[in-house]
Amino acid sequence: MTREEPHVETQQFTLDDLKRILIEGAGAEESVDLDGDILDEDFEHLGYESLALLETGGRIEREYGIVLDDDVLSESNTPRAMIDAVNAQLGGGSQAAA
């Protein structure tokens, strides 16, 4: 039996992926519309504190089979920055606009 890889090498990490993982790990505040234009909103304004982002980073690492540097999690203050950092680890470039 062979073990499956977490995701195909050409996998792109998108805003929809990030929203799904954020909601699974930390939920969503009722006052925040995650379906709005959130790419450049600070995570803090979206209701996600550092602990929620650490949980999100751990989920991304497990699901996508990558390792995110601690600096990535502390310096990625917006969804766009987080998406770009994950795609850089995946080798897929930026997909923040997707």
N, C-alpha and C. Protein backbone atom coordinates (compact mmCIF):
# COMPACT_ATOMS: atom_id res chain seq x y z
N MET A 1 0.82 -1.18 0.00
CA MET A 1 0.00 0.00 0.00
C MET A 1 0.87 1.25 0.00
N THR A 2 0.54 2.18 -0.85
CA THR A 2 1.30 3.42 -0.87
C THR A 2 0.53 4.50 -0.13
N ARG A 3 1.29 5.40 0.41
CA ARG A 3 0.69 6.51 1.15
C ARG A 3 0.46 7.68 0.20
N GLU A 4 -0.74 8.25 0.27
CA GLU A 4 -1.06 9.37 -0.60
C GLU A 4 -0.41 10.64 -0.08
N GLU A 5 0.02 11.48 -1.01
CA GLU A 5 0.55 12.80 -0.66
C GLU A 5 -0.62 13.67 -0.24
N PRO A 6 -0.38 14.67 0.63
CA PRO A 6 -1.47 15.53 1.07
C PRO A 6 -2.20 16.24 -0.07
N HIS A 7 -1.48 16.79 -1.02
CA HIS A 7 -2.07 17.46 -2.17
C HIS A 7 -1.13 17.33 -3.36
N VAL A 8 -1.68 17.48 -4.54
CA VAL A 8 -0.89 17.44 -5.76
C VAL A 8 0.11 18.60 -5.74
N GLU A 9 1.29 18.39 -6.31
CA GLU A 9 2.35 19.39 -6.26
C GLU A 9 1.94 20.73 -6.86
N THR A 10 1.05 20.72 -7.83
CA THR A 10 0.65 21.97 -8.47
C THR A 10 -0.51 22.65 -7.74
N GLN A 11 -0.87 22.14 -6.59
CA GLN A 11 -1.96 22.71 -5.80
C GLN A 11 -1.71 24.18 -5.49
N GLN A 12 -2.73 24.98 -5.63
CA GLN A 12 -2.68 26.39 -5.29
C GLN A 12 -3.51 26.60 -4.03
N PHE A 13 -3.04 27.45 -3.16
CA PHE A 13 -3.77 27.81 -1.96
C PHE A 13 -4.51 29.10 -2.25
N THR A 14 -5.81 29.10 -2.10
CA THR A 14 -6.63 30.24 -2.48
C THR A 14 -7.31 30.87 -1.27
N LEU A 15 -7.96 31.99 -1.50
CA LEU A 15 -8.72 32.66 -0.45
C LEU A 15 -9.82 31.73 0.08
N ASP A 16 -10.46 30.99 -0.80
CA ASP A 16 -11.50 30.05 -0.35
C ASP A 16 -10.91 28.99 0.59
N ASP A 17 -9.71 28.50 0.27
CA ASP A 17 -9.04 27.53 1.15
C ASP A 17 -8.78 28.15 2.52
N LEU A 18 -8.27 29.37 2.52
CA LEU A 18 -7.96 30.04 3.78
C LEU A 18 -9.22 30.27 4.60
N LYS A 19 -10.29 30.74 3.98
CA LYS A 19 -11.54 30.96 4.70
C LYS A 19 -12.06 29.66 5.31
N ARG A 20 -12.02 28.59 4.54
CA ARG A 20 -12.49 27.29 5.04
C ARG A 20 -11.70 26.87 6.28
N ILE A 21 -10.37 26.99 6.21
CA ILE A 21 -9.52 26.57 7.32
C ILE A 21 -9.71 27.49 8.53
N LEU A 22 -9.83 28.79 8.31
CA LEU A 22 -10.09 29.72 9.41
C LEU A 22 -11.38 29.37 10.13
N ILE A 23 -12.44 29.12 9.38
CA ILE A 23 -13.74 28.81 9.97
C ILE A 23 -13.71 27.47 10.69
N GLU A 24 -13.06 26.46 10.09
CA GLU A 24 -12.95 25.15 10.74
C GLU A 24 -12.19 25.24 12.06
N GLY A 25 -11.14 26.05 12.09
CA GLY A 25 -10.30 26.11 13.27
C GLY A 25 -10.75 27.09 14.33
N ALA A 26 -11.30 28.23 13.91
CA ALA A 26 -11.60 29.28 14.89
C ALA A 26 -13.00 29.86 14.74
N GLY A 27 -13.75 29.40 13.78
CA GLY A 27 -15.08 29.96 13.57
C GLY A 27 -14.99 31.33 12.91
N ALA A 28 -16.12 32.02 12.90
CA ALA A 28 -16.17 33.36 12.31
C ALA A 28 -17.08 34.23 13.16
N GLU A 29 -16.66 35.46 13.36
CA GLU A 29 -17.49 36.40 14.11
C GLU A 29 -18.70 36.77 13.26
N GLU A 30 -19.85 36.89 13.92
CA GLU A 30 -21.08 37.24 13.21
C GLU A 30 -20.99 38.59 12.52
N SER A 31 -20.23 39.50 13.09
CA SER A 31 -20.15 40.85 12.55
C SER A 31 -19.21 40.97 11.34
N VAL A 32 -18.51 39.89 11.00
CA VAL A 32 -17.55 39.93 9.91
C VAL A 32 -18.07 39.13 8.73
N ASP A 33 -18.05 39.74 7.55
CA ASP A 33 -18.48 39.08 6.32
C ASP A 33 -17.24 38.55 5.60
N LEU A 34 -16.94 37.27 5.79
CA LEU A 34 -15.77 36.68 5.15
C LEU A 34 -15.94 36.55 3.64
N ASP A 35 -17.15 36.74 3.15
CA ASP A 35 -17.37 36.69 1.71
C ASP A 35 -17.17 38.06 1.06
N GLY A 36 -16.89 39.07 1.88
CA GLY A 36 -16.62 40.41 1.36
C GLY A 36 -15.18 40.52 0.87
N ASP A 37 -14.76 41.74 0.63
CA ASP A 37 -13.41 42.02 0.15
C ASP A 37 -12.46 42.05 1.35
N ILE A 38 -11.89 40.90 1.68
CA ILE A 38 -11.08 40.78 2.91
C ILE A 38 -9.60 40.57 2.65
N LEU A 39 -9.17 40.49 1.41
CA LEU A 39 -7.78 40.16 1.10
C LEU A 39 -6.77 41.03 1.83
N ASP A 40 -7.06 42.31 1.96
CA ASP A 40 -6.10 43.22 2.56
C ASP A 40 -6.53 43.74 3.93
N GLU A 41 -7.51 43.07 4.53
CA GLU A 41 -7.94 43.40 5.89
C GLU A 41 -7.01 42.71 6.89
N ASP A 42 -6.67 43.40 7.96
CA ASP A 42 -5.88 42.76 9.02
C ASP A 42 -6.68 41.63 9.63
N PHE A 43 -6.00 40.53 9.93
CA PHE A 43 -6.68 39.40 10.57
C PHE A 43 -7.36 39.84 11.87
N GLU A 44 -6.72 40.74 12.59
CA GLU A 44 -7.29 41.22 13.85
C GLU A 44 -8.66 41.88 13.63
N HIS A 45 -8.78 42.67 12.54
CA HIS A 45 -10.06 43.30 12.22
C HIS A 45 -11.10 42.27 11.80
N LEU A 46 -10.63 41.12 11.32
CA LEU A 46 -11.54 40.05 10.93
C LEU A 46 -11.92 39.17 12.12
N GLY A 47 -11.34 39.47 13.29
CA GLY A 47 -11.67 38.72 14.50
C GLY A 47 -10.74 37.57 14.80
N TYR A 48 -9.59 37.51 14.15
CA TYR A 48 -8.65 36.41 14.37
C TYR A 48 -7.39 36.91 15.07
N GLU A 49 -7.19 36.46 16.29
CA GLU A 49 -6.03 36.81 17.10
C GLU A 49 -4.89 35.83 16.78
N SER A 50 -3.75 36.04 17.41
CA SER A 50 -2.56 35.24 17.12
C SER A 50 -2.77 33.75 17.38
N LEU A 51 -3.50 33.39 18.42
CA LEU A 51 -3.75 31.97 18.69
C LEU A 51 -4.53 31.31 17.55
N ALA A 52 -5.52 32.01 17.04
CA ALA A 52 -6.31 31.49 15.93
C ALA A 52 -5.44 31.32 14.68
N LEU A 53 -4.50 32.24 14.49
CA LEU A 53 -3.62 32.15 13.32
C LEU A 53 -2.62 31.02 13.48
N LEU A 54 -2.17 30.76 14.70
CA LEU A 54 -1.29 29.61 14.93
C LEU A 54 -2.02 28.31 14.62
N GLU A 55 -3.27 28.21 15.05
CA GLU A 55 -4.09 27.04 14.75
C GLU A 55 -4.29 26.91 13.24
N THR A 56 -4.55 28.02 12.59
CA THR A 56 -4.73 28.02 11.14
C THR A 56 -3.45 27.56 10.44
N GLY A 57 -2.31 28.08 10.88
CA GLY A 57 -1.03 27.66 10.31
C GLY A 57 -0.80 26.16 10.46
N GLY A 58 -1.11 25.63 11.63
CA GLY A 58 -0.96 24.20 11.86
C GLY A 58 -1.85 23.37 10.95
N ARG A 59 -3.06 23.83 10.76
CA ARG A 59 -3.99 23.12 9.87
C ARG A 59 -3.50 23.16 8.42
N ILE A 60 -3.00 24.32 8.01
CA ILE A 60 -2.46 24.43 6.65
C ILE A 60 -1.28 23.48 6.47
N GLU A 61 -0.38 23.45 7.45
CA GLU A 61 0.79 22.57 7.36
C GLU A 61 0.37 21.10 7.23
N ARG A 62 -0.57 20.69 8.05
CA ARG A 62 -1.02 19.28 8.01
C ARG A 62 -1.73 18.96 6.70
N GLU A 63 -2.59 19.84 6.27
CA GLU A 63 -3.39 19.57 5.08
C GLU A 63 -2.57 19.62 3.79
N TYR A 64 -1.60 20.52 3.73
CA TYR A 64 -0.84 20.71 2.50
C TYR A 64 0.56 20.11 2.54
N GLY A 65 0.94 19.54 3.69
CA GLY A 65 2.23 18.88 3.78
C GLY A 65 3.41 19.81 3.66
N ILE A 66 3.27 21.02 4.20
CA ILE A 66 4.35 22.01 4.15
C ILE A 66 4.71 22.44 5.56
N VAL A 67 5.80 23.17 5.68
CA VAL A 67 6.19 23.75 6.97
C VAL A 67 6.27 25.26 6.78
N LEU A 68 5.51 25.96 7.61
CA LEU A 68 5.52 27.42 7.57
C LEU A 68 6.43 27.93 8.67
N ASP A 69 7.36 28.78 8.32
CA ASP A 69 8.26 29.39 9.28
C ASP A 69 7.44 30.21 10.28
N ASP A 70 7.88 30.26 11.52
CA ASP A 70 7.17 31.05 12.54
C ASP A 70 7.02 32.50 12.11
N ASP A 71 8.01 33.03 11.40
CA ASP A 71 7.93 34.41 10.92
C ASP A 71 6.77 34.61 9.95
N VAL A 72 6.47 33.58 9.16
CA VAL A 72 5.37 33.68 8.21
C VAL A 72 4.06 33.93 8.97
N LEU A 73 3.87 33.18 10.04
CA LEU A 73 2.63 33.32 10.79
C LEU A 73 2.56 34.65 11.53
N SER A 74 3.68 35.13 12.01
CA SER A 74 3.65 36.39 12.76
C SER A 74 3.65 37.61 11.85
N GLU A 75 4.19 37.47 10.64
CA GLU A 75 4.29 38.62 9.73
C GLU A 75 3.17 38.69 8.70
N SER A 76 2.41 37.60 8.55
CA SER A 76 1.30 37.60 7.59
C SER A 76 0.07 38.17 8.28
N ASN A 77 -0.09 39.48 8.16
CA ASN A 77 -1.16 40.16 8.87
C ASN A 77 -2.48 40.21 8.10
N THR A 78 -2.44 39.82 6.82
CA THR A 78 -3.64 39.87 6.00
C THR A 78 -3.82 38.54 5.28
N PRO A 79 -5.03 38.24 4.84
CA PRO A 79 -5.22 37.02 4.05
C PRO A 79 -4.31 36.97 2.82
N ARG A 80 -4.12 38.10 2.13
CA ARG A 80 -3.26 38.11 0.95
C ARG A 80 -1.84 37.67 1.30
N ALA A 81 -1.30 38.20 2.39
CA ALA A 81 0.06 37.84 2.80
C ALA A 81 0.16 36.36 3.16
N MET A 82 -0.85 35.84 3.85
CA MET A 82 -0.85 34.42 4.23
C MET A 82 -0.94 33.53 2.99
N ILE A 83 -1.82 33.88 2.07
CA ILE A 83 -1.97 33.09 0.84
C ILE A 83 -0.68 33.09 0.04
N ASP A 84 -0.06 34.25 -0.10
CA ASP A 84 1.20 34.34 -0.84
C ASP A 84 2.29 33.51 -0.18
N ALA A 85 2.35 33.54 1.16
CA ALA A 85 3.38 32.77 1.88
C ALA A 85 3.16 31.27 1.71
N VAL A 86 1.91 30.83 1.78
CA VAL A 86 1.62 29.40 1.60
C VAL A 86 1.95 28.98 0.18
N ASN A 87 1.55 29.78 -0.80
CA ASN A 87 1.85 29.43 -2.19
C ASN A 87 3.34 29.44 -2.47
N ALA A 88 4.09 30.29 -1.80
CA ALA A 88 5.54 30.28 -1.97
C ALA A 88 6.10 28.94 -1.48
N GLN A 89 5.56 28.42 -0.38
CA GLN A 89 6.01 27.11 0.12
C GLN A 89 5.56 25.98 -0.80
N LEU A 90 4.41 26.14 -1.40
CA LEU A 90 3.91 25.13 -2.34
C LEU A 90 4.60 25.22 -3.70
N GLY A 91 5.32 26.32 -3.92
CA GLY A 91 5.99 26.51 -5.19
C GLY A 91 5.05 26.95 -6.28
N GLY A 92 3.89 27.48 -5.87
CA GLY A 92 2.88 27.81 -6.86
C GLY A 92 2.69 29.28 -7.16
N GLY A 93 3.47 30.14 -6.54
CA GLY A 93 3.29 31.57 -6.80
C GLY A 93 2.08 32.12 -6.09
N SER A 94 1.67 33.32 -6.46
CA SER A 94 0.57 34.02 -5.79
C SER A 94 -0.77 33.67 -6.40
N GLN A 95 -1.73 33.38 -5.53
CA GLN A 95 -3.10 33.14 -5.97
C GLN A 95 -4.06 33.95 -5.13
N ALA A 96 -3.59 35.03 -4.54
CA ALA A 96 -4.42 35.82 -3.63
C ALA A 96 -5.66 36.37 -4.31
N ALA A 97 -5.59 36.64 -5.60
CA ALA A 97 -6.74 37.22 -6.27
C ALA A 97 -7.78 36.18 -6.64
N ALA A 98 -7.46 34.91 -6.49
CA ALA A 98 -8.41 33.84 -6.88
C ALA A 98 -9.54 33.72 -5.91
